[in-house]
Amino acid sequence: MKAVILLSGGLDSSTVLYQALADGFDCYALSFDYQQRHRRELEAAADLAKVAGVKEHQVVSFDLRLWGGSALTDATIELP
């Protein structure tokens, strides 16, 4: 069986990935680069995908700022 895991690099998606692997799925990871200020999430997702041994890890890039501003993407907005 195959599973596509939306992998952010955070605790929740990491847990889902390891549960799917434990359940015997061939896992493929998909991450989103939405031009976030902190690149840590994408780095963590890449590291996690490698360590976990996913079949393939793809990163889809798009600019979330096209739809509006957020502290996640705009350095002029203070993080809460």
N, C-alpha and C. Protein backbone atom coordinates (compact mmCIF):
# COMPACT_ATOMS: atom_id res chain seq x y z
N MET A 1 0.84 -1.18 0.00
CA MET A 1 0.00 0.00 0.00
C MET A 1 0.88 1.24 0.00
N LYS A 2 0.38 2.30 -0.58
CA LYS A 2 1.11 3.56 -0.65
C LYS A 2 0.36 4.64 0.12
N ALA A 3 1.12 5.60 0.64
CA ALA A 3 0.53 6.75 1.33
C ALA A 3 1.32 8.00 0.99
N VAL A 4 0.60 9.08 0.74
CA VAL A 4 1.22 10.39 0.58
C VAL A 4 1.02 11.12 1.90
N ILE A 5 2.13 11.53 2.50
CA ILE A 5 2.10 12.20 3.79
C ILE A 5 2.42 13.67 3.58
N LEU A 6 1.53 14.56 4.03
CA LEU A 6 1.82 15.99 4.00
C LEU A 6 2.76 16.26 5.17
N LEU A 7 4.01 16.52 4.86
CA LEU A 7 5.07 16.59 5.86
C LEU A 7 5.55 18.02 6.06
N SER A 8 5.18 18.60 7.20
CA SER A 8 5.59 19.97 7.50
C SER A 8 6.92 20.02 8.22
N GLY A 9 7.30 18.93 8.84
CA GLY A 9 8.49 18.91 9.68
C GLY A 9 8.16 19.06 11.15
N GLY A 10 6.88 19.25 11.46
CA GLY A 10 6.45 19.40 12.84
C GLY A 10 6.07 18.06 13.46
N LEU A 11 5.68 18.13 14.72
CA LEU A 11 5.39 16.93 15.50
C LEU A 11 4.22 16.13 14.93
N ASP A 12 3.14 16.80 14.55
CA ASP A 12 1.95 16.09 14.08
C ASP A 12 2.23 15.30 12.80
N SER A 13 2.81 15.96 11.80
CA SER A 13 3.04 15.25 10.53
C SER A 13 4.12 14.19 10.68
N SER A 14 5.08 14.41 11.58
CA SER A 14 6.10 13.40 11.85
C SER A 14 5.48 12.15 12.45
N THR A 15 4.55 12.35 13.37
CA THR A 15 3.85 11.23 14.00
C THR A 15 3.04 10.45 12.96
N VAL A 16 2.35 11.17 12.09
CA VAL A 16 1.57 10.51 11.03
C VAL A 16 2.48 9.70 10.12
N LEU A 17 3.63 10.26 9.77
CA LEU A 17 4.59 9.55 8.92
C LEU A 17 5.02 8.24 9.57
N TYR A 18 5.45 8.30 10.81
CA TYR A 18 5.94 7.10 11.47
C TYR A 18 4.82 6.09 11.73
N GLN A 19 3.61 6.55 11.95
CA GLN A 19 2.49 5.61 12.11
C GLN A 19 2.21 4.91 10.79
N ALA A 20 2.24 5.65 9.69
CA ALA A 20 2.01 5.04 8.38
C ALA A 20 3.10 4.02 8.05
N LEU A 21 4.34 4.35 8.37
CA LEU A 21 5.44 3.40 8.16
C LEU A 21 5.24 2.15 9.02
N ALA A 22 4.86 2.35 10.27
CA ALA A 22 4.63 1.22 11.18
C ALA A 22 3.47 0.34 10.69
N ASP A 23 2.52 0.95 10.00
CA ASP A 23 1.37 0.21 9.46
C ASP A 23 1.69 -0.46 8.13
N GLY A 24 2.93 -0.31 7.66
CA GLY A 24 3.36 -1.00 6.46
C GLY A 24 3.19 -0.26 5.15
N PHE A 25 2.90 1.02 5.19
CA PHE A 25 2.73 1.79 3.97
C PHE A 25 4.09 2.17 3.37
N ASP A 26 4.16 2.20 2.04
CA ASP A 26 5.27 2.83 1.34
C ASP A 26 4.93 4.32 1.33
N CYS A 27 5.75 5.12 1.98
CA CYS A 27 5.40 6.53 2.18
C CYS A 27 6.13 7.45 1.22
N TYR A 28 5.37 8.39 0.71
CA TYR A 28 5.86 9.46 -0.15
C TYR A 28 5.52 10.76 0.57
N ALA A 29 6.50 11.63 0.72
CA ALA A 29 6.29 12.86 1.49
C ALA A 29 6.11 14.06 0.56
N LEU A 30 5.21 14.94 0.94
CA LEU A 30 4.94 16.16 0.20
C LEU A 30 4.97 17.33 1.17
N SER A 31 5.82 18.31 0.87
CA SER A 31 5.93 19.51 1.70
C SER A 31 5.63 20.73 0.85
N PHE A 32 5.27 21.82 1.51
CA PHE A 32 4.95 23.06 0.81
C PHE A 32 5.89 24.17 1.23
N ASP A 33 6.51 24.80 0.24
CA ASP A 33 7.32 25.98 0.46
C ASP A 33 6.46 27.17 0.07
N TYR A 34 5.88 27.81 1.09
CA TYR A 34 4.98 28.94 0.83
C TYR A 34 5.69 30.27 1.12
N GLN A 35 7.02 30.25 1.01
CA GLN A 35 7.87 31.42 1.25
C GLN A 35 7.83 31.84 2.72
N GLN A 36 7.76 30.85 3.60
CA GLN A 36 7.74 31.13 5.03
C GLN A 36 9.07 31.75 5.47
N ARG A 37 8.97 32.58 6.51
CA ARG A 37 10.14 33.28 7.02
C ARG A 37 11.18 32.33 7.57
N HIS A 38 10.73 31.34 8.28
CA HIS A 38 11.66 30.39 8.89
C HIS A 38 11.75 29.16 8.02
N ARG A 39 12.95 28.86 7.58
CA ARG A 39 13.17 27.72 6.70
C ARG A 39 13.34 26.43 7.49
N ARG A 40 13.33 26.54 8.81
CA ARG A 40 13.54 25.37 9.67
C ARG A 40 12.57 24.24 9.36
N GLU A 41 11.32 24.60 9.09
CA GLU A 41 10.31 23.58 8.85
C GLU A 41 10.67 22.72 7.64
N LEU A 42 11.08 23.37 6.55
CA LEU A 42 11.44 22.62 5.35
C LEU A 42 12.70 21.79 5.57
N GLU A 43 13.66 22.35 6.30
CA GLU A 43 14.87 21.60 6.61
C GLU A 43 14.54 20.38 7.47
N ALA A 44 13.66 20.57 8.46
CA ALA A 44 13.26 19.45 9.32
C ALA A 44 12.51 18.39 8.52
N ALA A 45 11.65 18.82 7.61
CA ALA A 45 10.91 17.86 6.78
C ALA A 45 11.86 17.05 5.91
N ALA A 46 12.84 17.72 5.31
CA ALA A 46 13.81 17.02 4.46
C ALA A 46 14.62 16.02 5.28
N ASP A 47 15.08 16.45 6.45
CA ASP A 47 15.86 15.56 7.32
C ASP A 47 15.02 14.37 7.75
N LEU A 48 13.79 14.63 8.14
CA LEU A 48 12.89 13.58 8.60
C LEU A 48 12.60 12.58 7.48
N ALA A 49 12.34 13.07 6.29
CA ALA A 49 12.06 12.19 5.16
C ALA A 49 13.24 11.27 4.89
N LYS A 50 14.44 11.82 4.98
CA LYS A 50 15.64 11.02 4.74
C LYS A 50 15.83 9.97 5.82
N VAL A 51 15.74 10.38 7.07
CA VAL A 51 15.94 9.46 8.20
C VAL A 51 14.87 8.36 8.21
N ALA A 52 13.64 8.72 7.90
CA ALA A 52 12.54 7.76 7.94
C ALA A 52 12.57 6.81 6.74
N GLY A 53 13.27 7.21 5.69
CA GLY A 53 13.37 6.36 4.51
C GLY A 53 12.16 6.39 3.61
N VAL A 54 11.55 7.57 3.46
CA VAL A 54 10.41 7.66 2.54
C VAL A 54 10.89 7.37 1.12
N LYS A 55 9.97 6.92 0.30
CA LYS A 55 10.31 6.57 -1.09
C LYS A 55 10.74 7.80 -1.88
N GLU A 56 10.06 8.92 -1.63
CA GLU A 56 10.35 10.16 -2.34
C GLU A 56 9.80 11.33 -1.53
N HIS A 57 10.52 12.44 -1.57
CA HIS A 57 10.06 13.66 -0.89
C HIS A 57 10.06 14.79 -1.91
N GLN A 58 8.91 15.37 -2.15
CA GLN A 58 8.77 16.49 -3.07
C GLN A 58 8.36 17.74 -2.31
N VAL A 59 8.88 18.88 -2.76
CA VAL A 59 8.52 20.17 -2.18
C VAL A 59 7.84 20.99 -3.27
N VAL A 60 6.62 21.42 -3.00
CA VAL A 60 5.86 22.25 -3.93
C VAL A 60 6.01 23.70 -3.48
N SER A 61 6.46 24.55 -4.39
CA SER A 61 6.68 25.96 -4.06
C SER A 61 5.56 26.84 -4.60
N PHE A 62 5.13 27.77 -3.77
CA PHE A 62 4.20 28.81 -4.19
C PHE A 62 4.33 29.96 -3.20
N ASP A 63 3.90 31.12 -3.60
CA ASP A 63 4.06 32.31 -2.77
C ASP A 63 2.73 32.67 -2.11
N LEU A 64 2.58 32.31 -0.85
CA LEU A 64 1.35 32.57 -0.10
C LEU A 64 1.06 34.07 0.01
N ARG A 65 2.10 34.89 -0.14
CA ARG A 65 1.92 36.35 -0.04
C ARG A 65 1.03 36.90 -1.15
N LEU A 66 0.83 36.13 -2.21
CA LEU A 66 -0.06 36.57 -3.29
C LEU A 66 -1.49 36.73 -2.81
N TRP A 67 -1.85 36.02 -1.73
CA TRP A 67 -3.22 36.05 -1.21
C TRP A 67 -3.36 36.89 0.05
N GLY A 68 -2.29 37.48 0.51
CA GLY A 68 -2.37 38.32 1.70
C GLY A 68 -1.16 38.16 2.58
N GLY A 69 -1.10 38.99 3.60
CA GLY A 69 0.04 38.97 4.50
C GLY A 69 -0.20 38.15 5.74
N SER A 70 0.88 37.71 6.31
CA SER A 70 0.84 36.91 7.53
C SER A 70 2.19 37.05 8.21
N ALA A 71 2.21 36.91 9.51
CA ALA A 71 3.48 36.92 10.23
C ALA A 71 4.37 35.76 9.80
N LEU A 72 3.78 34.74 9.22
CA LEU A 72 4.57 33.60 8.75
C LEU A 72 5.38 33.92 7.51
N THR A 73 4.91 34.91 6.73
CA THR A 73 5.56 35.21 5.45
C THR A 73 6.08 36.63 5.33
N ASP A 74 5.68 37.52 6.21
CA ASP A 74 6.02 38.94 6.10
C ASP A 74 6.83 39.39 7.32
N ALA A 75 8.09 39.74 7.09
CA ALA A 75 8.98 40.13 8.19
C ALA A 75 8.57 41.44 8.85
N THR A 76 7.70 42.22 8.20
CA THR A 76 7.26 43.48 8.81
C THR A 76 6.12 43.28 9.80
N ILE A 77 5.56 42.08 9.83
CA ILE A 77 4.49 41.76 10.79
C ILE A 77 5.10 40.99 11.94
N GLU A 78 4.88 41.49 13.14
CA GLU A 78 5.47 40.86 14.32
C GLU A 78 4.83 39.50 14.59
N LEU A 79 5.68 38.54 14.94
CA LEU A 79 5.17 37.22 15.31
C LEU A 79 4.47 37.30 16.66
N PRO A 80 3.32 36.64 16.80
CA PRO A 80 2.59 36.69 18.08
C PRO A 80 3.32 35.92 19.17
